[in-house]
N, C-alpha and C. Protein backbone atom coordinates (compact mmCIF):
# COMPACT_ATOMS: atom_id res chain seq x y z
N MET A 1 -2.77 20.91 9.71
CA MET A 1 -1.38 20.82 9.31
C MET A 1 -1.26 21.18 7.83
N ASN A 2 -0.31 22.04 7.53
CA ASN A 2 -0.03 22.44 6.15
C ASN A 2 1.23 21.75 5.67
N ILE A 3 1.13 21.05 4.56
CA ILE A 3 2.26 20.31 4.00
C ILE A 3 2.49 20.80 2.58
N VAL A 4 3.74 21.13 2.26
CA VAL A 4 4.11 21.50 0.90
C VAL A 4 4.91 20.34 0.32
N ILE A 5 4.65 20.02 -0.94
CA ILE A 5 5.28 18.88 -1.57
C ILE A 5 5.72 19.22 -2.98
N GLY A 6 6.88 18.71 -3.35
CA GLY A 6 7.40 18.91 -4.70
C GLY A 6 8.25 17.72 -5.09
N SER A 7 8.62 17.68 -6.36
CA SER A 7 9.43 16.57 -6.87
C SER A 7 10.19 17.03 -8.10
N ASP A 8 10.92 16.10 -8.68
CA ASP A 8 11.40 16.28 -10.03
C ASP A 8 10.68 15.24 -10.88
N HIS A 9 11.07 15.11 -12.13
CA HIS A 9 10.41 14.16 -13.02
C HIS A 9 10.56 12.72 -12.53
N GLY A 10 11.68 12.41 -11.87
CA GLY A 10 11.92 11.06 -11.37
C GLY A 10 11.12 10.69 -10.15
N GLY A 11 10.49 11.67 -9.51
CA GLY A 11 9.67 11.42 -8.32
C GLY A 11 8.23 11.86 -8.47
N LYS A 12 7.84 12.27 -9.68
CA LYS A 12 6.50 12.82 -9.89
C LYS A 12 5.38 11.83 -9.59
N LYS A 13 5.54 10.60 -10.03
CA LYS A 13 4.49 9.61 -9.81
C LYS A 13 4.27 9.37 -8.31
N LEU A 14 5.37 9.25 -7.57
CA LEU A 14 5.26 9.05 -6.12
C LEU A 14 4.66 10.29 -5.46
N LYS A 15 5.10 11.47 -5.90
CA LYS A 15 4.54 12.72 -5.36
C LYS A 15 3.04 12.77 -5.54
N ASP A 16 2.59 12.44 -6.73
CA ASP A 16 1.15 12.47 -7.02
C ASP A 16 0.38 11.50 -6.12
N SER A 17 0.95 10.33 -5.87
CA SER A 17 0.30 9.35 -4.97
C SER A 17 0.23 9.88 -3.54
N ILE A 18 1.30 10.53 -3.09
CA ILE A 18 1.33 11.09 -1.74
C ILE A 18 0.33 12.23 -1.61
N VAL A 19 0.25 13.08 -2.61
CA VAL A 19 -0.70 14.19 -2.59
C VAL A 19 -2.12 13.65 -2.44
N GLU A 20 -2.47 12.67 -3.25
CA GLU A 20 -3.81 12.08 -3.18
C GLU A 20 -4.06 11.45 -1.81
N HIS A 21 -3.07 10.73 -1.30
CA HIS A 21 -3.17 10.07 0.00
C HIS A 21 -3.42 11.09 1.12
N LEU A 22 -2.66 12.17 1.12
CA LEU A 22 -2.79 13.18 2.17
C LEU A 22 -4.10 13.94 2.06
N LYS A 23 -4.52 14.24 0.85
CA LYS A 23 -5.82 14.92 0.67
C LYS A 23 -6.96 14.03 1.13
N ASN A 24 -6.85 12.72 0.92
CA ASN A 24 -7.87 11.79 1.41
C ASN A 24 -7.92 11.76 2.94
N LYS A 25 -6.85 12.20 3.58
CA LYS A 25 -6.82 12.31 5.04
C LYS A 25 -7.23 13.71 5.51
N SER A 26 -7.72 14.51 4.56
CA SER A 26 -8.19 15.87 4.83
C SER A 26 -7.08 16.80 5.33
N LEU A 27 -5.85 16.55 4.89
CA LEU A 27 -4.75 17.44 5.24
C LEU A 27 -4.62 18.51 4.15
N ASN A 28 -4.14 19.67 4.54
CA ASN A 28 -3.94 20.77 3.59
C ASN A 28 -2.60 20.55 2.89
N VAL A 29 -2.65 20.27 1.59
CA VAL A 29 -1.46 19.95 0.82
C VAL A 29 -1.29 20.96 -0.31
N ASN A 30 -0.10 21.52 -0.40
CA ASN A 30 0.22 22.45 -1.48
C ASN A 30 1.23 21.77 -2.39
N ASP A 31 0.79 21.34 -3.56
CA ASP A 31 1.63 20.67 -4.55
C ASP A 31 2.26 21.72 -5.45
N ILE A 32 3.58 21.90 -5.36
CA ILE A 32 4.26 22.93 -6.14
C ILE A 32 4.78 22.41 -7.48
N GLY A 33 4.48 21.15 -7.79
CA GLY A 33 4.88 20.60 -9.08
C GLY A 33 6.10 19.71 -8.96
N PRO A 34 6.53 19.27 -10.14
CA PRO A 34 6.03 19.55 -11.48
C PRO A 34 4.73 18.79 -11.75
N TYR A 35 4.10 19.17 -12.82
CA TYR A 35 2.80 18.60 -13.16
C TYR A 35 2.85 17.73 -14.41
N THR A 36 4.04 17.57 -14.98
CA THR A 36 4.27 16.66 -16.10
C THR A 36 5.52 15.86 -15.80
N ILE A 37 5.80 14.86 -16.63
CA ILE A 37 7.01 14.06 -16.44
C ILE A 37 8.18 14.58 -17.27
N ASP A 38 8.03 15.77 -17.84
CA ASP A 38 9.14 16.39 -18.57
C ASP A 38 10.30 16.63 -17.61
N SER A 39 11.51 16.48 -18.11
CA SER A 39 12.71 16.64 -17.28
C SER A 39 12.78 18.04 -16.68
N VAL A 40 13.04 18.10 -15.38
CA VAL A 40 13.22 19.36 -14.66
C VAL A 40 14.43 19.22 -13.74
N ASP A 41 14.95 20.34 -13.28
CA ASP A 41 16.07 20.35 -12.35
C ASP A 41 15.54 20.37 -10.92
N PHE A 42 15.93 19.36 -10.14
CA PHE A 42 15.38 19.20 -8.80
C PHE A 42 15.72 20.32 -7.82
N PRO A 43 16.88 20.99 -7.91
CA PRO A 43 17.20 21.97 -6.86
C PRO A 43 16.16 23.08 -6.70
N SER A 44 15.53 23.51 -7.78
CA SER A 44 14.55 24.60 -7.65
C SER A 44 13.34 24.16 -6.82
N TYR A 45 12.95 22.91 -6.95
CA TYR A 45 11.81 22.40 -6.16
C TYR A 45 12.22 22.22 -4.69
N ALA A 46 13.45 21.77 -4.45
CA ALA A 46 13.94 21.63 -3.08
C ALA A 46 14.00 22.99 -2.39
N VAL A 47 14.45 24.00 -3.12
CA VAL A 47 14.54 25.35 -2.56
C VAL A 47 13.14 25.89 -2.26
N GLU A 48 12.21 25.69 -3.17
CA GLU A 48 10.84 26.19 -2.95
C GLU A 48 10.20 25.55 -1.72
N VAL A 49 10.29 24.23 -1.62
CA VAL A 49 9.73 23.54 -0.45
C VAL A 49 10.47 23.98 0.82
N GLY A 50 11.79 24.00 0.78
CA GLY A 50 12.57 24.39 1.94
C GLY A 50 12.27 25.80 2.41
N ASN A 51 12.18 26.72 1.47
CA ASN A 51 11.88 28.11 1.85
C ASN A 51 10.49 28.25 2.46
N ARG A 52 9.53 27.50 1.97
CA ARG A 52 8.18 27.58 2.54
C ARG A 52 8.14 27.02 3.95
N VAL A 53 8.88 25.95 4.20
CA VAL A 53 8.93 25.38 5.55
C VAL A 53 9.73 26.31 6.47
N ALA A 54 10.89 26.74 6.03
CA ALA A 54 11.73 27.63 6.86
C ALA A 54 11.04 28.96 7.13
N GLY A 55 10.22 29.42 6.20
CA GLY A 55 9.50 30.67 6.36
C GLY A 55 8.16 30.53 7.05
N ASN A 56 7.87 29.34 7.56
CA ASN A 56 6.63 29.05 8.28
C ASN A 56 5.37 29.19 7.43
N ASP A 57 5.52 29.08 6.11
CA ASP A 57 4.35 29.03 5.23
C ASP A 57 3.78 27.62 5.16
N ALA A 58 4.55 26.65 5.64
CA ALA A 58 4.11 25.26 5.73
C ALA A 58 4.70 24.67 6.99
N ASP A 59 3.98 23.71 7.56
CA ASP A 59 4.47 23.04 8.77
C ASP A 59 5.56 22.03 8.44
N LEU A 60 5.35 21.29 7.36
CA LEU A 60 6.28 20.25 6.95
C LEU A 60 6.39 20.24 5.43
N GLY A 61 7.47 19.66 4.93
CA GLY A 61 7.65 19.54 3.49
C GLY A 61 8.01 18.11 3.11
N ILE A 62 7.64 17.74 1.89
CA ILE A 62 7.98 16.43 1.34
C ILE A 62 8.55 16.65 -0.05
N LEU A 63 9.65 15.97 -0.32
CA LEU A 63 10.30 16.05 -1.63
C LEU A 63 10.54 14.64 -2.17
N CYS A 64 10.28 14.45 -3.45
CA CYS A 64 10.49 13.15 -4.10
C CYS A 64 11.35 13.33 -5.33
N CYS A 65 12.31 12.44 -5.48
CA CYS A 65 13.09 12.35 -6.71
C CYS A 65 13.39 10.87 -6.92
N GLY A 66 14.35 10.55 -7.75
CA GLY A 66 14.65 9.15 -8.00
C GLY A 66 15.12 8.42 -6.76
N THR A 67 16.01 9.06 -5.99
CA THR A 67 16.56 8.43 -4.77
C THR A 67 16.23 9.17 -3.49
N GLY A 68 15.85 10.43 -3.59
CA GLY A 68 15.66 11.29 -2.42
C GLY A 68 16.93 12.00 -2.00
N ILE A 69 18.06 11.54 -2.49
CA ILE A 69 19.35 12.06 -2.05
C ILE A 69 19.60 13.48 -2.56
N GLY A 70 19.43 13.69 -3.85
CA GLY A 70 19.68 15.03 -4.40
C GLY A 70 18.79 16.07 -3.75
N MET A 71 17.52 15.73 -3.57
CA MET A 71 16.59 16.66 -2.93
C MET A 71 17.05 17.01 -1.53
N SER A 72 17.51 16.00 -0.78
CA SER A 72 17.92 16.27 0.61
C SER A 72 19.17 17.14 0.64
N ILE A 73 20.10 16.90 -0.26
CA ILE A 73 21.31 17.73 -0.30
C ILE A 73 20.94 19.19 -0.55
N ALA A 74 20.08 19.41 -1.55
CA ALA A 74 19.68 20.79 -1.89
C ALA A 74 18.87 21.43 -0.77
N ALA A 75 17.90 20.72 -0.23
CA ALA A 75 17.04 21.29 0.82
C ALA A 75 17.84 21.62 2.08
N ASN A 76 18.82 20.79 2.40
CA ASN A 76 19.61 21.01 3.61
C ASN A 76 20.54 22.21 3.50
N LYS A 77 20.64 22.84 2.35
CA LYS A 77 21.41 24.08 2.20
C LYS A 77 20.65 25.28 2.76
N ILE A 78 19.36 25.11 3.02
CA ILE A 78 18.51 26.20 3.49
C ILE A 78 18.55 26.23 5.02
N ASN A 79 18.86 27.39 5.56
CA ASN A 79 18.93 27.57 7.00
C ASN A 79 17.60 27.18 7.65
N GLY A 80 17.68 26.30 8.64
CA GLY A 80 16.49 25.88 9.37
C GLY A 80 15.86 24.60 8.84
N ILE A 81 16.37 24.08 7.75
CA ILE A 81 15.81 22.85 7.19
C ILE A 81 16.61 21.66 7.68
N ARG A 82 15.88 20.65 8.09
CA ARG A 82 16.46 19.37 8.48
C ARG A 82 15.77 18.31 7.63
N ALA A 83 16.30 18.13 6.42
CA ALA A 83 15.73 17.18 5.46
C ALA A 83 16.37 15.82 5.65
N SER A 84 15.53 14.79 5.64
CA SER A 84 16.00 13.43 5.86
C SER A 84 15.54 12.51 4.74
N VAL A 85 16.47 11.75 4.18
CA VAL A 85 16.12 10.70 3.22
C VAL A 85 15.73 9.49 4.04
N VAL A 86 14.54 8.97 3.77
CA VAL A 86 14.02 7.86 4.57
C VAL A 86 13.49 6.78 3.63
N SER A 87 13.77 5.52 3.99
CA SER A 87 13.24 4.40 3.19
C SER A 87 12.64 3.30 4.06
N ASP A 88 12.40 3.63 5.35
CA ASP A 88 11.75 2.68 6.25
C ASP A 88 11.01 3.45 7.35
N CYS A 89 10.05 2.79 7.97
CA CYS A 89 9.21 3.46 8.98
C CYS A 89 9.97 3.75 10.27
N PHE A 90 10.91 2.89 10.66
CA PHE A 90 11.70 3.15 11.86
C PHE A 90 12.46 4.46 11.73
N SER A 91 13.11 4.66 10.60
CA SER A 91 13.88 5.89 10.38
C SER A 91 12.96 7.10 10.30
N ALA A 92 11.78 6.93 9.72
CA ALA A 92 10.82 8.04 9.64
C ALA A 92 10.44 8.50 11.04
N GLU A 93 10.19 7.55 11.92
CA GLU A 93 9.84 7.89 13.30
C GLU A 93 11.04 8.50 14.03
N ALA A 94 12.21 7.90 13.87
CA ALA A 94 13.39 8.38 14.57
C ALA A 94 13.80 9.79 14.14
N THR A 95 13.69 10.09 12.86
CA THR A 95 14.12 11.39 12.38
C THR A 95 13.20 12.51 12.85
N ARG A 96 11.96 12.19 13.13
CA ARG A 96 11.05 13.20 13.72
C ARG A 96 11.30 13.30 15.22
N LYS A 97 11.38 12.16 15.92
CA LYS A 97 11.56 12.17 17.37
C LYS A 97 12.89 12.79 17.78
N HIS A 98 13.95 12.44 17.10
CA HIS A 98 15.29 12.81 17.55
C HIS A 98 15.90 13.99 16.80
N ASN A 99 15.54 14.16 15.53
CA ASN A 99 16.16 15.20 14.71
C ASN A 99 15.22 16.33 14.35
N ASN A 100 13.95 16.22 14.76
CA ASN A 100 12.93 17.21 14.41
C ASN A 100 12.97 17.52 12.91
N SER A 101 13.09 16.46 12.13
CA SER A 101 13.11 16.59 10.67
C SER A 101 11.86 17.34 10.21
N ASN A 102 12.06 18.33 9.33
CA ASN A 102 10.91 19.09 8.84
C ASN A 102 10.69 18.94 7.34
N VAL A 103 11.58 18.21 6.66
CA VAL A 103 11.38 17.87 5.25
C VAL A 103 11.73 16.39 5.09
N LEU A 104 10.79 15.65 4.53
CA LEU A 104 10.97 14.23 4.25
C LEU A 104 11.32 14.07 2.78
N CYS A 105 12.38 13.32 2.50
CA CYS A 105 12.80 13.07 1.12
C CYS A 105 12.68 11.58 0.83
N LEU A 106 12.01 11.28 -0.28
CA LEU A 106 11.76 9.90 -0.67
C LEU A 106 12.23 9.66 -2.09
N GLY A 107 12.70 8.44 -2.35
CA GLY A 107 13.13 8.05 -3.68
C GLY A 107 12.14 7.13 -4.35
N GLU A 108 11.55 7.59 -5.45
CA GLU A 108 10.58 6.78 -6.18
C GLU A 108 11.20 5.49 -6.70
N ARG A 109 12.48 5.53 -7.04
CA ARG A 109 13.15 4.34 -7.58
C ARG A 109 13.68 3.43 -6.47
N VAL A 110 13.50 3.84 -5.22
CA VAL A 110 14.02 3.10 -4.07
C VAL A 110 12.89 2.50 -3.23
N VAL A 111 11.83 3.27 -3.02
CA VAL A 111 10.74 2.87 -2.12
C VAL A 111 9.46 2.68 -2.93
N GLY A 112 8.82 1.56 -2.75
CA GLY A 112 7.55 1.31 -3.40
C GLY A 112 6.46 2.22 -2.85
N GLU A 113 5.40 2.39 -3.61
CA GLU A 113 4.33 3.32 -3.24
C GLU A 113 3.69 2.98 -1.89
N SER A 114 3.38 1.73 -1.68
CA SER A 114 2.71 1.33 -0.44
C SER A 114 3.58 1.65 0.78
N LEU A 115 4.84 1.31 0.72
CA LEU A 115 5.75 1.62 1.82
C LEU A 115 5.92 3.12 1.98
N ALA A 116 6.03 3.83 0.87
CA ALA A 116 6.20 5.29 0.94
C ALA A 116 5.03 5.94 1.68
N LEU A 117 3.82 5.48 1.43
CA LEU A 117 2.65 6.05 2.12
C LEU A 117 2.69 5.75 3.61
N LYS A 118 3.17 4.57 3.99
CA LYS A 118 3.32 4.23 5.41
C LYS A 118 4.39 5.10 6.05
N ILE A 119 5.47 5.33 5.32
CA ILE A 119 6.54 6.20 5.82
C ILE A 119 6.01 7.61 6.04
N VAL A 120 5.27 8.13 5.08
CA VAL A 120 4.69 9.47 5.20
C VAL A 120 3.78 9.54 6.42
N ASP A 121 2.90 8.56 6.59
CA ASP A 121 1.99 8.55 7.74
C ASP A 121 2.75 8.52 9.05
N THR A 122 3.79 7.69 9.12
CA THR A 122 4.60 7.58 10.34
C THR A 122 5.29 8.91 10.62
N TRP A 123 5.89 9.48 9.60
CA TRP A 123 6.65 10.72 9.75
C TRP A 123 5.76 11.87 10.21
N ILE A 124 4.60 12.00 9.58
CA ILE A 124 3.68 13.09 9.90
C ILE A 124 3.11 12.95 11.32
N SER A 125 2.86 11.73 11.74
CA SER A 125 2.19 11.52 13.03
C SER A 125 3.15 11.48 14.22
N THR A 126 4.44 11.51 13.97
CA THR A 126 5.43 11.44 15.06
C THR A 126 5.81 12.84 15.51
N GLU A 127 5.85 13.03 16.82
CA GLU A 127 6.21 14.32 17.42
C GLU A 127 7.68 14.32 17.85
N PHE A 128 8.28 15.50 17.83
CA PHE A 128 9.64 15.69 18.31
C PHE A 128 9.66 15.51 19.82
N GLU A 129 10.62 14.76 20.33
CA GLU A 129 10.72 14.48 21.77
C GLU A 129 11.30 15.63 22.57
N GLY A 130 12.10 16.47 21.96
CA GLY A 130 12.73 17.55 22.70
C GLY A 130 13.79 17.01 23.65
N GLY A 131 13.90 17.63 24.84
CA GLY A 131 14.89 17.19 25.82
C GLY A 131 16.30 17.25 25.28
N ARG A 132 17.05 16.18 25.48
CA ARG A 132 18.44 16.15 25.01
C ARG A 132 18.52 16.32 23.50
N HIS A 133 17.47 15.90 22.79
CA HIS A 133 17.45 16.06 21.33
C HIS A 133 17.30 17.53 20.95
N GLY A 134 16.56 18.28 21.74
CA GLY A 134 16.42 19.71 21.51
C GLY A 134 17.76 20.43 21.62
N ARG A 135 18.54 20.01 22.59
CA ARG A 135 19.88 20.59 22.76
C ARG A 135 20.73 20.35 21.51
N ARG A 136 20.59 19.19 20.94
CA ARG A 136 21.37 18.86 19.74
C ARG A 136 20.89 19.64 18.52
N ILE A 137 19.60 19.86 18.42
CA ILE A 137 19.06 20.66 17.32
C ILE A 137 19.55 22.10 17.46
N GLU A 138 19.62 22.60 18.68
CA GLU A 138 20.17 23.94 18.91
C GLU A 138 21.62 24.02 18.45
N GLN A 139 22.39 22.96 18.67
CA GLN A 139 23.78 22.93 18.22
C GLN A 139 23.87 22.96 16.70
N ILE A 140 22.96 22.24 16.03
CA ILE A 140 22.93 22.28 14.57
C ILE A 140 22.59 23.67 14.09
N SER A 141 21.63 24.32 14.73
CA SER A 141 21.26 25.69 14.35
C SER A 141 22.43 26.64 14.53
N LYS A 142 23.19 26.44 15.59
CA LYS A 142 24.36 27.29 15.81
C LYS A 142 25.38 27.11 14.68
N ILE A 143 25.58 25.89 14.24
CA ILE A 143 26.48 25.63 13.12
C ILE A 143 26.01 26.40 11.89
N GLU A 144 24.71 26.31 11.59
CA GLU A 144 24.14 27.02 10.44
C GLU A 144 24.37 28.52 10.54
N ASN A 145 24.11 29.06 11.70
CA ASN A 145 24.20 30.52 11.87
C ASN A 145 25.63 31.03 11.93
N ASP A 146 26.58 30.17 12.30
CA ASP A 146 27.98 30.58 12.38
C ASP A 146 28.70 30.50 11.03
N LEU A 147 28.11 29.84 10.07
CA LEU A 147 28.78 29.69 8.77
C LEU A 147 28.66 30.94 7.92
């Protein structure tokens, strides 16, 4: 599994913890930055992660900022991206099973590191159920393509 991850300055510490956690699980992780805590604009990182996932250069993407909200708004502007802000394991599982979420957004100022790592593990290990949920994802894709 190939995972691309990025953040802004407000999510860098959490991003770094997730990168280390995933590499310890022998997963292929591409950290696109930032690599310092200097202030950066989050939309460029959301676009980079989203484009890599939408372009099939990565299987899944993870974005971290202060709340996860800004990253999800920006990433969801990219055709084919279903970014979800998650702060609990139930939602992490549900968004993969029912929404086929392909970008996980986390807030460093909202979710503690230990919980965030559990959320990441849950999200990565959950498969899309398809069926009636697949029909709904097709409807979302139609909305994207008709705009």
